[in-house]
Protein backbone atom coordinates (compact mmCIF):
# COMPACT_ATOMS: atom_id res chain seq x y z
CA MET A 1 41.66 8.08 11.79
CA ARG A 2 44.57 8.11 14.51
CA ILE A 3 48.17 8.77 14.45
CA ILE A 4 49.48 5.41 15.32
CA PHE A 5 52.81 4.98 17.09
CA ARG A 6 54.83 1.44 16.93
CA GLY A 7 58.42 0.71 17.82
CA LEU A 8 60.79 1.11 20.90
CA TYR A 9 61.17 4.52 20.63
CA ALA A 10 59.75 7.63 18.78
CA ALA A 11 61.17 11.26 18.58
CA PHE A 12 58.31 13.93 19.34
CA PRO A 13 58.92 17.45 19.21
CA ALA A 14 57.36 19.12 22.22
CA ALA A 15 58.14 22.02 24.76
CA ALA A 16 58.94 19.49 27.31
CA LEU A 17 61.29 17.57 25.15
CA HIS A 18 64.37 18.82 23.20
CA THR A 19 64.42 18.49 19.56
CA GLY A 20 65.93 15.16 18.87
CA ASN A 21 65.27 13.58 22.15
CA LEU A 22 63.61 10.38 22.31
CA ALA A 23 60.11 9.73 24.23
CA TYR A 24 59.93 6.61 26.49
CA ALA A 25 56.93 4.76 27.16
CA THR A 26 56.52 6.80 30.46
CA ASP A 27 56.47 9.93 28.65
CA LEU A 28 52.80 11.64 28.33
CA LEU A 29 52.37 12.74 24.69
CA VAL A 30 50.02 15.28 22.97
CA LEU A 31 48.80 13.05 20.25
CA PHE A 32 45.92 14.13 17.44
CA GLN A 33 42.84 12.40 16.08
CA SER A 34 40.40 13.24 13.41
CA ASN A 35 36.79 13.71 14.39
CA GLY A 36 35.84 13.77 10.74
CA ALA A 37 35.55 17.52 10.80
CA ALA A 38 38.82 18.56 12.58
CA TRP A 39 42.18 17.14 14.07
CA VAL A 40 41.49 17.02 17.93
CA GLY A 41 44.40 16.99 20.53
CA TYR A 42 44.21 14.36 23.32
CA SER A 43 47.07 13.09 25.78
CA ASP A 44 48.00 9.48 26.16
CA TYR A 45 51.08 7.32 26.93
CA PRO A 46 52.84 5.56 23.77
CA ASP A 47 51.76 2.15 23.31
CA TYR A 48 54.97 0.34 22.11
CA GLN A 49 53.72 -3.32 22.89
CA GLY A 50 50.68 -2.98 20.50
CA GLU A 51 47.75 -2.96 22.57
CA LYS A 52 46.17 0.22 21.52
CA ALA A 53 48.43 0.93 18.16
CA GLY A 54 49.25 -0.96 15.18
CA LEU A 55 50.82 -0.28 11.75
CA TYR A 56 48.80 -2.15 8.89
CA PRO A 57 49.15 -1.89 5.28
CA GLN A 58 45.78 -0.95 3.72
CA PRO A 59 45.03 -4.62 2.68
CA GLU A 60 45.30 -5.87 6.04
CA TRP A 61 43.53 -2.81 7.46
CA ALA A 62 40.75 -3.71 5.21
CA ALA A 63 40.51 -7.44 6.40
CA LYS A 64 40.32 -6.11 9.78
CA GLU A 65 37.85 -3.73 9.21
CA GLY A 66 35.71 -6.08 7.02
CA THR A 67 35.98 -3.99 3.85
CA ASP A 68 38.24 -6.71 2.00
CA LYS A 69 36.69 -8.21 -0.93
CA ASN A 70 37.35 -11.95 -2.36
CA ILE A 71 35.83 -13.04 -5.68
CA TYR A 72 35.93 -16.59 -6.72
CA ALA A 73 34.57 -19.11 -9.08
CA TYR A 74 35.01 -22.71 -9.82
CA GLY A 75 33.88 -24.95 -12.94
CA THR A 76 34.08 -28.48 -14.05
CA ASN A 77 34.33 -30.23 -17.38
CA LYS A 78 35.96 -27.38 -19.13
CA ASP A 79 37.32 -28.55 -22.59
CA PHE A 80 39.69 -26.72 -24.85
CA GLY A 81 38.60 -23.22 -25.29
CA ASP A 82 36.19 -23.13 -22.38
CA TYR A 83 36.45 -20.61 -19.57
CA ILE A 84 34.81 -19.72 -16.28
CA THR A 85 34.15 -16.27 -14.92
CA GLY A 86 33.50 -14.35 -11.72
CA SER A 87 32.17 -10.98 -11.43
CA TYR A 88 31.79 -8.15 -9.05
CA THR A 89 29.97 -4.53 -9.71
CA VAL A 90 31.49 -1.89 -7.51
CA PRO A 91 28.93 -0.18 -5.41
CA THR A 92 27.92 3.53 -5.42
CA GLY A 93 30.66 5.62 -3.57
CA LYS A 94 33.12 3.05 -3.46
CA THR A 95 36.19 2.05 -5.46
CA LEU A 96 37.83 -1.37 -5.73
CA PHE A 97 41.32 -2.15 -5.34
CA ILE A 98 42.45 -5.40 -6.78
CA THR A 99 45.78 -6.55 -4.95
CA GLY A 100 45.99 -10.25 -6.09
CA PHE A 101 44.60 -12.63 -8.74
CA SER A 102 45.17 -16.31 -9.16
CA PHE A 103 43.88 -19.18 -11.08
CA ILE A 104 44.33 -22.97 -11.21
CA ILE A 105 43.56 -25.58 -13.76
CA GLY A 106 43.53 -29.58 -13.02
CA ALA A 107 42.67 -32.45 -14.91
CA GLU A 108 39.39 -34.21 -14.45
CA THR A 109 40.52 -37.77 -14.62
CA PRO A 110 43.73 -39.54 -13.18
CA THR A 111 44.72 -40.84 -16.70
CA ASP A 112 45.08 -37.10 -17.74
CA TYR A 113 47.33 -36.00 -14.79
CA ASP A 114 50.69 -36.39 -16.96
CA HIS A 115 49.21 -33.86 -19.66
CA PHE A 116 50.47 -30.14 -19.59
CA LEU A 117 47.78 -28.10 -18.29
CA TYR A 118 47.88 -24.77 -19.88
CA ALA A 119 45.58 -21.88 -18.90
CA TRP A 120 45.56 -18.12 -19.18
CA GLY A 121 43.41 -15.78 -16.84
CA ASP A 122 42.19 -12.19 -17.17
CA ILE A 123 40.96 -9.23 -15.27
CA LYS A 124 38.59 -7.44 -17.46
CA ASN A 125 36.64 -4.13 -16.99
CA PHE A 126 33.51 -5.37 -18.45
CA THR A 127 32.11 -1.75 -18.23
CA THR A 128 34.65 -0.44 -20.82
CA GLY A 129 35.99 -3.77 -22.45
CA VAL A 130 39.44 -2.97 -21.30
CA ILE A 131 41.51 -6.24 -20.27
CA LYS A 132 43.58 -5.10 -17.19
CA VAL A 133 45.82 -8.28 -16.77
CA ARG A 134 46.45 -11.40 -18.76
CA LEU A 135 48.49 -14.06 -16.86
CA GLY A 136 49.48 -17.46 -18.34
CA GLY A 137 50.58 -20.68 -16.51
CA VAL A 138 51.15 -24.26 -16.34
CA GLY A 139 48.84 -25.60 -13.64
CA GLY A 140 47.79 -22.14 -12.73
CA GLY A 141 49.29 -18.69 -12.14
CA SER A 142 49.04 -15.89 -9.52
CA CYS A 143 50.09 -12.39 -9.18
CA THR A 144 50.09 -9.61 -6.46
CA PHE A 145 49.86 -6.00 -7.46
CA PRO A 146 52.17 -3.73 -5.60
CA LYS A 147 50.15 -1.12 -7.22
CA PRO A 148 46.36 -2.25 -7.01
CA ILE A 149 44.46 -2.37 -10.11
CA THR A 150 41.23 0.07 -9.51
CA PHE A 151 37.78 0.11 -10.61
CA SER A 152 35.53 2.98 -9.93
CA ALA A 153 31.93 2.89 -8.61
CA GLY A 154 29.38 1.25 -11.12
CA GLU A 155 32.05 -0.56 -13.13
CA LYS A 156 31.76 -4.34 -13.45
CA VAL A 157 34.89 -6.13 -13.18
CA GLU A 158 35.28 -9.83 -14.28
CA PHE A 159 37.87 -12.48 -13.63
CA TRP A 160 38.14 -15.22 -16.51
CA VAL A 161 40.17 -18.28 -16.74
CA TRP A 162 40.53 -20.16 -19.97
CA ASN A 163 41.38 -24.07 -20.47
CA ILE A 164 43.93 -24.12 -23.27
CA SER A 165 45.04 -27.70 -22.73
CA ASN A 166 43.78 -30.68 -24.83
CA ILE A 167 42.00 -32.38 -22.17
CA THR A 168 38.88 -31.86 -20.07
CA CYS A 169 39.93 -29.89 -16.78
CA ALA A 170 38.39 -28.01 -13.74
CA LEU A 171 39.10 -24.46 -13.37
CA GLY A 172 39.24 -22.05 -10.50
CA VAL A 173 39.84 -18.54 -10.45
CA THR A 174 40.25 -15.97 -7.30
CA ALA A 175 40.84 -12.20 -7.06
CA TRP A 176 41.20 -10.54 -3.70
CA GLY A 177 41.67 -6.73 -2.70
CA TYR A 178 39.58 -4.21 -0.70
CA GLU A 179 37.11 -1.25 -1.17
CA ALA A 180 37.40 2.46 -0.02
């Protein structure tokens, strides 16, 4: 982990700078980086142009680092009450953070496109049997979670969508997030 700076100016208390002074891109700074066991000091110039530094929300950082997760399922010819499900079991030593969920329902034939296409979707902890989210919609639905829904190592999470329309439909469900 590094302390990351981004912006035009930043205030850094140091012997060479008076409290409240601004450090410019030409100021040599003493920075700190974790080597896993301790914080280690090093010197560098601030990178306000983003070549060496960046600030990412956790989901974007996970995508950049390859720890993001996308679970998807799709099914066709689903009558009233039929469903599809996608699932994922969290590996040992990891926690799954779900930051978004969506589902879609579509008519199978052109003659049925004028019907209301009702569906609902769930996020369920299959291990404990607890439904974490239930979301309804016409044609689909989606939601992002400012506070991620978490699942611990070994838990199986399932993502469901049900056809509650009176016609045969195609269904899709997607959940996304990251592991840490």
